[in-house]
Protein backbone atom coordinates (compact mmCIF):
# COMPACT_ATOMS: atom_id res chain seq x y z
CA MET A 1 26.46 -15.88 -34.33
CA ALA A 2 28.71 -18.77 -33.65
CA ALA A 3 30.22 -17.23 -30.53
CA LEU A 4 26.63 -16.58 -29.52
CA LEU A 5 25.33 -20.27 -29.95
CA LYS A 6 28.79 -22.30 -28.90
CA ASP A 7 27.68 -22.29 -25.08
CA ALA A 8 24.02 -20.83 -25.30
CA ILE A 9 22.74 -23.49 -27.27
CA LYS A 10 22.70 -25.58 -24.03
CA PRO A 11 19.77 -25.10 -21.62
CA ASN A 12 21.27 -23.11 -18.76
CA LEU A 13 19.87 -25.33 -15.51
CA VAL A 14 19.57 -23.20 -12.30
CA GLN A 15 17.67 -23.68 -8.79
CA THR A 16 15.48 -21.66 -6.82
CA LEU A 17 16.53 -20.70 -3.21
CA GLU A 18 14.67 -23.88 -2.19
CA HIS A 19 16.58 -25.92 -4.69
CA THR A 20 13.37 -26.43 -7.19
CA PRO A 21 15.40 -26.83 -10.57
CA ALA A 22 14.84 -24.51 -13.40
CA PHE A 23 15.85 -23.63 -16.87
CA ILE A 24 16.83 -20.53 -18.15
CA HIS A 25 17.04 -20.74 -21.81
CA GLY A 26 15.99 -17.86 -23.96
CA GLY A 27 14.39 -14.62 -23.18
CA PRO A 28 12.88 -13.19 -26.28
CA PHE A 29 10.36 -10.23 -25.50
CA ALA A 30 6.82 -11.52 -26.45
CA ASN A 31 5.84 -7.87 -27.67
CA ILE A 32 8.18 -8.02 -30.59
CA ALA A 33 9.46 -11.54 -30.83
CA HIS A 34 7.88 -15.10 -29.63
CA GLY A 35 8.34 -14.78 -26.00
CA CYS A 36 8.89 -18.32 -25.09
CA ASN A 37 12.15 -20.56 -23.55
CA SER A 38 13.37 -22.91 -25.93
CA VAL A 39 11.77 -26.23 -27.08
CA LEU A 40 15.18 -28.14 -26.04
CA ALA A 41 14.62 -26.64 -22.42
CA THR A 42 10.98 -27.69 -22.50
CA LYS A 43 11.47 -30.96 -23.80
CA THR A 44 14.58 -31.45 -21.50
CA ALA A 45 12.24 -30.70 -18.62
CA MET A 46 9.96 -32.95 -19.79
CA LYS A 47 12.03 -36.02 -19.48
CA TYR A 48 12.99 -35.20 -15.88
CA ALA A 49 9.47 -34.15 -14.08
CA ASP A 50 6.07 -34.90 -13.58
CA TYR A 51 4.90 -31.38 -13.96
CA VAL A 52 6.35 -28.73 -16.42
CA VAL A 53 5.52 -25.16 -15.99
CA THR A 54 6.81 -22.65 -19.12
CA GLU A 55 6.41 -18.73 -19.14
CA ALA A 56 5.21 -17.31 -22.52
CA GLY A 57 5.47 -13.64 -21.49
CA PHE A 58 3.33 -10.52 -21.62
CA GLY A 59 0.02 -11.47 -21.95
CA ALA A 60 -2.32 -14.04 -23.30
CA ASP A 61 -2.67 -12.11 -26.80
CA LEU A 62 1.06 -11.91 -27.06
CA GLY A 63 3.23 -14.66 -25.46
CA ALA A 64 0.44 -17.35 -25.20
CA GLU A 65 -0.59 -16.79 -28.73
CA LYS A 66 2.60 -17.39 -29.98
CA PHE A 67 3.80 -20.54 -27.26
CA ILE A 68 0.56 -21.81 -29.08
CA ASP A 69 0.71 -20.86 -32.60
CA ILE A 70 4.41 -21.20 -33.30
CA LYS A 71 6.16 -23.39 -30.53
CA CYS A 72 3.79 -25.89 -29.95
CA ARG A 73 2.88 -26.18 -33.82
CA LYS A 74 6.38 -26.52 -34.50
CA SER A 75 7.29 -28.56 -31.61
CA GLY A 76 4.47 -30.89 -31.26
CA LEU A 77 4.28 -29.56 -27.61
CA ARG A 78 0.40 -29.50 -26.12
CA PRO A 79 -0.19 -27.74 -22.93
CA ASP A 80 -2.69 -29.50 -20.62
CA ALA A 81 -3.72 -26.13 -18.75
CA ALA A 82 -2.72 -22.71 -18.44
CA VAL A 83 -1.95 -20.14 -15.93
CA LEU A 84 -3.50 -16.71 -16.00
CA VAL A 85 -1.05 -14.56 -14.04
CA ALA A 86 -2.73 -10.94 -12.95
CA THR A 87 -2.07 -8.13 -10.39
CA VAL A 88 -4.66 -5.92 -8.92
CA ARG A 89 -2.46 -3.29 -9.56
CA ALA A 90 -2.60 -3.97 -13.40
CA LEU A 91 -6.48 -4.11 -13.26
CA LYS A 92 -6.43 -0.61 -11.81
CA MET A 93 -4.17 0.54 -14.32
CA HIS A 94 -6.99 -0.56 -17.11
CA GLY A 95 -9.67 0.73 -14.86
CA GLY A 96 -8.09 4.22 -15.42
CA VAL A 97 -5.93 4.89 -12.16
CA GLU A 98 -2.76 6.49 -12.77
CA LYS A 99 0.48 4.74 -11.79
CA LYS A 100 1.16 6.70 -8.77
CA ASP A 101 -2.02 6.00 -7.07
CA LEU A 102 -2.31 2.13 -7.95
CA GLY A 103 -1.46 1.41 -3.99
CA ALA A 104 -4.73 3.17 -2.65
CA GLU A 105 -7.56 0.69 -2.61
CA ASN A 106 -10.24 1.32 -5.62
CA VAL A 107 -12.81 -1.77 -6.03
CA ASP A 108 -14.74 0.32 -8.55
CA ALA A 109 -11.22 0.84 -10.83
CA VAL A 110 -10.77 -3.15 -10.27
CA VAL A 111 -14.13 -3.89 -11.51
CA LYS A 112 -13.84 -1.36 -14.58
CA GLY A 113 -10.50 -3.01 -15.32
CA MET A 114 -12.04 -6.52 -15.26
CA PRO A 115 -12.68 -6.65 -18.92
CA ASN A 116 -9.34 -6.75 -19.79
CA LEU A 117 -8.58 -9.69 -17.76
CA GLU A 118 -11.95 -11.23 -19.08
CA LYS A 119 -10.69 -11.20 -22.48
CA HIS A 120 -7.45 -12.99 -21.48
CA LEU A 121 -9.50 -15.66 -19.63
CA GLU A 122 -11.72 -15.80 -22.81
CA ASN A 123 -8.93 -16.53 -25.32
CA ILE A 124 -7.26 -19.08 -22.98
CA GLN A 125 -10.58 -21.22 -22.45
CA ASN A 126 -12.13 -20.56 -26.06
CA VAL A 127 -9.99 -19.71 -28.62
CA TYR A 128 -7.04 -21.74 -27.23
CA GLY A 129 -9.30 -24.28 -25.70
CA LEU A 130 -7.36 -24.86 -22.40
CA PRO A 131 -8.67 -25.05 -18.97
CA ALA A 132 -7.22 -22.08 -16.76
CA VAL A 133 -6.60 -20.79 -13.44
CA VAL A 134 -6.32 -16.85 -12.43
CA ALA A 135 -3.12 -16.49 -10.22
CA ILE A 136 -3.36 -13.14 -8.55
CA ASN A 137 0.41 -12.18 -8.06
CA LYS A 138 -0.29 -10.48 -4.61
CA PHE A 139 0.96 -7.36 -3.74
CA PRO A 140 1.39 -5.95 -0.21
CA THR A 141 -1.09 -3.50 -0.84
CA ASP A 142 -4.05 -5.44 -2.10
CA THR A 143 -7.04 -5.20 -0.03
CA ASP A 144 -9.53 -8.12 0.63
CA ALA A 145 -12.50 -6.36 -1.10
CA GLU A 146 -10.28 -5.93 -4.23
CA LEU A 147 -9.23 -9.38 -4.39
CA LYS A 148 -12.92 -10.43 -3.81
CA ALA A 149 -14.21 -8.52 -6.90
CA VAL A 150 -11.58 -10.54 -9.13
CA GLU A 151 -12.81 -13.62 -7.97
CA ASP A 152 -16.58 -12.89 -8.36
CA ALA A 153 -15.58 -11.76 -11.64
CA CYS A 154 -13.78 -14.93 -12.83
CA GLN A 155 -16.48 -17.19 -11.38
CA LYS A 156 -18.81 -16.53 -14.34
CA TYR A 157 -16.07 -18.23 -16.47
CA GLY A 158 -15.78 -21.26 -14.10
CA ALA A 159 -12.14 -20.55 -13.27
CA ASN A 160 -10.89 -20.43 -9.92
CA VAL A 161 -9.00 -17.50 -8.63
CA VAL A 162 -5.79 -18.74 -6.44
CA LEU A 163 -3.33 -16.16 -4.83
CA SER A 164 0.20 -16.52 -5.41
CA ASP A 165 2.11 -14.98 -2.76
CA VAL A 166 5.47 -16.82 -3.51
CA TRP A 167 7.38 -13.45 -3.40
CA ALA A 168 6.84 -12.89 0.46
CA ASN A 169 6.36 -16.85 1.51
CA GLY A 170 8.12 -18.63 -0.96
CA GLY A 171 7.09 -22.23 -2.12
CA ASN A 172 4.63 -22.22 0.56
CA GLY A 173 3.10 -19.21 -0.79
CA GLY A 174 2.36 -21.34 -4.24
CA VAL A 175 1.00 -24.62 -2.97
CA GLU A 176 -2.43 -23.86 -3.54
CA LEU A 177 -1.86 -22.71 -6.94
CA ALA A 178 0.25 -25.79 -7.67
CA LYS A 179 -2.82 -27.98 -6.51
CA GLU A 180 -5.18 -26.40 -8.75
CA VAL A 181 -2.83 -26.57 -11.65
CA VAL A 182 -2.70 -30.47 -11.13
CA ARG A 183 -6.14 -30.61 -11.15
CA LEU A 184 -6.41 -28.77 -14.25
CA ALA A 185 -4.14 -30.48 -16.08
CA GLU A 186 -5.73 -34.09 -15.10
CA GLN A 187 -8.84 -32.70 -17.29
CA PRO A 188 -9.44 -33.34 -20.85
CA ASN A 189 -8.93 -30.15 -22.96
CA HIS A 190 -9.79 -29.18 -26.37
CA PHE A 191 -6.47 -27.76 -27.52
CA GLN A 192 -6.28 -25.90 -30.87
CA PHE A 193 -4.60 -23.31 -33.11
CA VAL A 194 -5.60 -19.68 -33.67
CA TYR A 195 -5.49 -20.28 -37.58
CA ASP A 196 -4.45 -23.27 -40.10
CA ASP A 197 -1.11 -23.71 -41.65
CA GLU A 198 -3.05 -23.84 -45.26
CA ASP A 199 -4.65 -20.34 -44.43
CA SER A 200 -3.14 -17.22 -46.41
CA LEU A 201 -0.78 -14.99 -44.36
CA GLU A 202 -3.58 -12.26 -44.81
CA GLU A 203 -6.01 -14.79 -43.27
CA LYS A 204 -3.65 -15.67 -40.38
CA LEU A 205 -3.40 -12.10 -39.47
CA GLU A 206 -7.11 -11.67 -39.57
CA LYS A 207 -7.86 -14.33 -37.37
CA ILE A 208 -5.21 -13.35 -34.69
CA VAL A 209 -6.44 -9.83 -34.81
CA THR A 210 -10.47 -10.64 -34.69
CA LYS A 211 -10.19 -14.26 -32.69
CA VAL A 212 -7.66 -13.09 -30.06
CA TYR A 213 -7.39 -9.08 -30.05
CA GLY A 214 -11.27 -8.55 -30.28
CA GLY A 215 -10.67 -6.14 -33.10
CA LYS A 216 -12.40 -6.00 -36.54
CA GLY A 217 -9.97 -6.70 -38.54
CA ILE A 218 -6.71 -5.62 -40.30
CA GLU A 219 -5.59 -2.88 -42.71
CA LEU A 220 -2.58 -3.47 -44.77
CA THR A 221 -0.03 -0.78 -46.15
CA PRO A 222 0.83 -1.05 -49.73
CA ALA A 223 4.27 -2.17 -48.66
CA ALA A 224 3.29 -4.95 -46.26
CA ARG A 225 0.73 -6.40 -48.73
CA LYS A 226 3.22 -6.32 -51.52
CA GLU A 227 5.52 -8.13 -49.43
CA LEU A 228 2.91 -10.46 -48.15
CA LYS A 229 2.54 -11.33 -51.74
CA HIS A 230 6.63 -11.88 -52.10
CA ILE A 231 6.67 -14.29 -49.41
CA GLU A 232 4.11 -16.59 -50.58
CA GLU A 233 5.69 -16.71 -53.98
CA MET A 234 8.75 -17.89 -52.10
CA GLY A 235 6.75 -20.73 -50.56
CA TYR A 236 6.70 -19.33 -47.19
CA GLY A 237 2.90 -18.85 -46.89
CA HIS A 238 2.23 -22.18 -44.55
CA LEU A 239 4.60 -20.68 -41.73
CA PRO A 240 2.94 -18.77 -38.33
CA ILE A 241 2.74 -15.49 -37.64
CA CYS A 242 4.54 -13.59 -35.25
CA MET A 243 3.15 -10.28 -34.50
CA ALA A 244 5.22 -7.36 -33.12
CA LYS A 245 2.65 -5.33 -31.16
CA THR A 246 2.25 -3.15 -27.74
CA GLN A 247 2.00 -4.85 -24.69
CA TYR A 248 -0.08 -2.34 -23.56
CA SER A 249 -3.30 -3.17 -25.24
CA PHE A 250 -5.14 -5.62 -27.21
CA SER A 251 -5.35 -2.64 -30.31
CA ASP A 252 -1.64 -1.43 -31.66
CA ASP A 253 -2.44 2.16 -29.70
CA ALA A 254 -0.90 1.79 -26.08
CA LYS A 255 -3.12 4.01 -25.07
CA LYS A 256 -6.48 2.10 -25.72
CA ILE A 257 -6.51 0.26 -22.39
CA GLY A 258 -9.00 -2.02 -21.05
CA ARG A 259 -10.86 -4.15 -23.88
CA PRO A 260 -11.15 -2.09 -26.70
CA GLU A 261 -13.58 -2.75 -29.50
CA GLY A 262 -14.17 -1.95 -33.20
CA PHE A 263 -10.61 -1.34 -33.86
CA THR A 264 -8.58 -2.16 -36.70
CA ILE A 265 -4.60 -3.17 -36.59
CA THR A 266 -2.43 -1.66 -39.03
CA ILE A 267 0.00 -3.92 -40.57
CA LYS A 268 3.13 -1.66 -41.54
CA GLU A 269 5.58 -3.96 -42.41
CA VAL A 270 5.98 -7.75 -42.95
CA LYS A 271 9.36 -9.43 -43.20
CA ILE A 272 10.17 -13.01 -43.33
CA SER A 273 12.42 -15.07 -40.82
CA ALA A 274 13.23 -18.12 -42.59
CA GLY A 275 15.49 -19.50 -40.44
CA ALA A 276 13.18 -18.95 -37.23
CA GLY A 277 10.28 -20.48 -39.30
CA PHE A 278 7.98 -17.58 -38.88
CA VAL A 279 6.75 -14.46 -40.62
CA VAL A 280 7.09 -10.93 -38.40
CA ALA A 281 4.20 -8.61 -38.87
CA LEU A 282 5.00 -5.02 -37.20
CA THR A 283 1.85 -3.12 -36.27
CA GLY A 284 1.57 0.51 -35.09
CA ALA A 285 4.87 2.26 -34.07
CA ILE A 286 6.41 -0.99 -32.59
CA MET A 287 10.20 -1.14 -33.06
CA THR A 288 11.73 -4.20 -33.08
CA MET A 289 15.50 -3.45 -32.25
CA PRO A 290 15.43 -0.06 -30.44
CA GLY A 291 18.67 1.16 -28.72
CA LEU A 292 21.44 -0.33 -30.91
CA PRO A 293 24.80 1.55 -31.30
CA LYS A 294 26.05 2.48 -34.99
CA VAL A 295 28.81 -0.22 -34.37
CA PRO A 296 27.35 -3.32 -32.68
CA ALA A 297 29.99 -5.01 -30.73
CA ALA A 298 29.06 -8.19 -32.25
CA GLU A 299 31.50 -6.82 -35.13
CA ASN A 300 34.44 -7.66 -32.95
CA ILE A 301 33.56 -11.00 -31.37
CA GLN A 302 35.54 -14.17 -33.01
CA VAL A 303 35.69 -17.84 -32.39
CA ASP A 304 39.14 -19.17 -33.33
CA ASP A 305 39.60 -22.64 -34.29
CA ASN A 306 40.07 -23.85 -31.10
CA GLY A 307 36.27 -22.36 -30.02
CA VAL A 308 38.03 -19.53 -27.95
CA ILE A 309 36.07 -16.65 -27.90
CA SER A 310 37.37 -13.30 -28.21
CA GLY A 311 36.25 -9.77 -28.29
CA LEU A 312 33.37 -9.85 -25.70
CA PHE A 313 35.34 -7.11 -23.22
């Protein structure tokens, strides 16, 4: 751990091809971890820029929820607006199209998949209380009719849809999106957490599932219920929740695409990450540390008294 943190504790400053500064500092997956960069990097950026954009990975049900309920709660950060990134391809997938057929125009599938995007938008606007813009990450295979279908569906929520074409055109492809973000950031918002610190751990889990995922509730295994009780008895009941859940569905079943309803999330295991300051809840068949060797390389890494790291290679 000392070897890892010796240099990694310092934010890594890089730049884009157009010389825009960016921090790359921390990259935990939002399906099994909190999905955010470090508080240190975000607060450092805020001292040097008028506007700071930070990513909260995978989806508004995972990364965004954890950004708000864990990172913002712990750091005092308060976002002014949110960018909901979507692709026509993903919407067609949620509309039932096979991966090999995603490149073909299919407006009906886009419309069928829109409830997924609408739920994410509802979460940002109504659950988190933030103004939002939907940014379509444009692919060469997207058609005007498909893009129009997305725009029409989002208008009923009062959210503008802006094409993001930075992959093809660099910064010029994101100018309109940047203008909309600036406009939204200057508007008042009603930022709020999904749950309160004083809620029990079970109540926090229930609120995440019912308010953010759209499910009807949770089902605790006997082992999970026992561990929740033990964690609260140790005095950690005030901590936020870090859900470990599939990123492919609002439910804990990756095959339930679109906007499933009436489902129950099974909490199979709960564990405390006291140093990080949150409680991890494992759902469904999720694995938090897949693919590790029998003898991790970390066992051969050392740091001597002079700070020299050995055993990396």
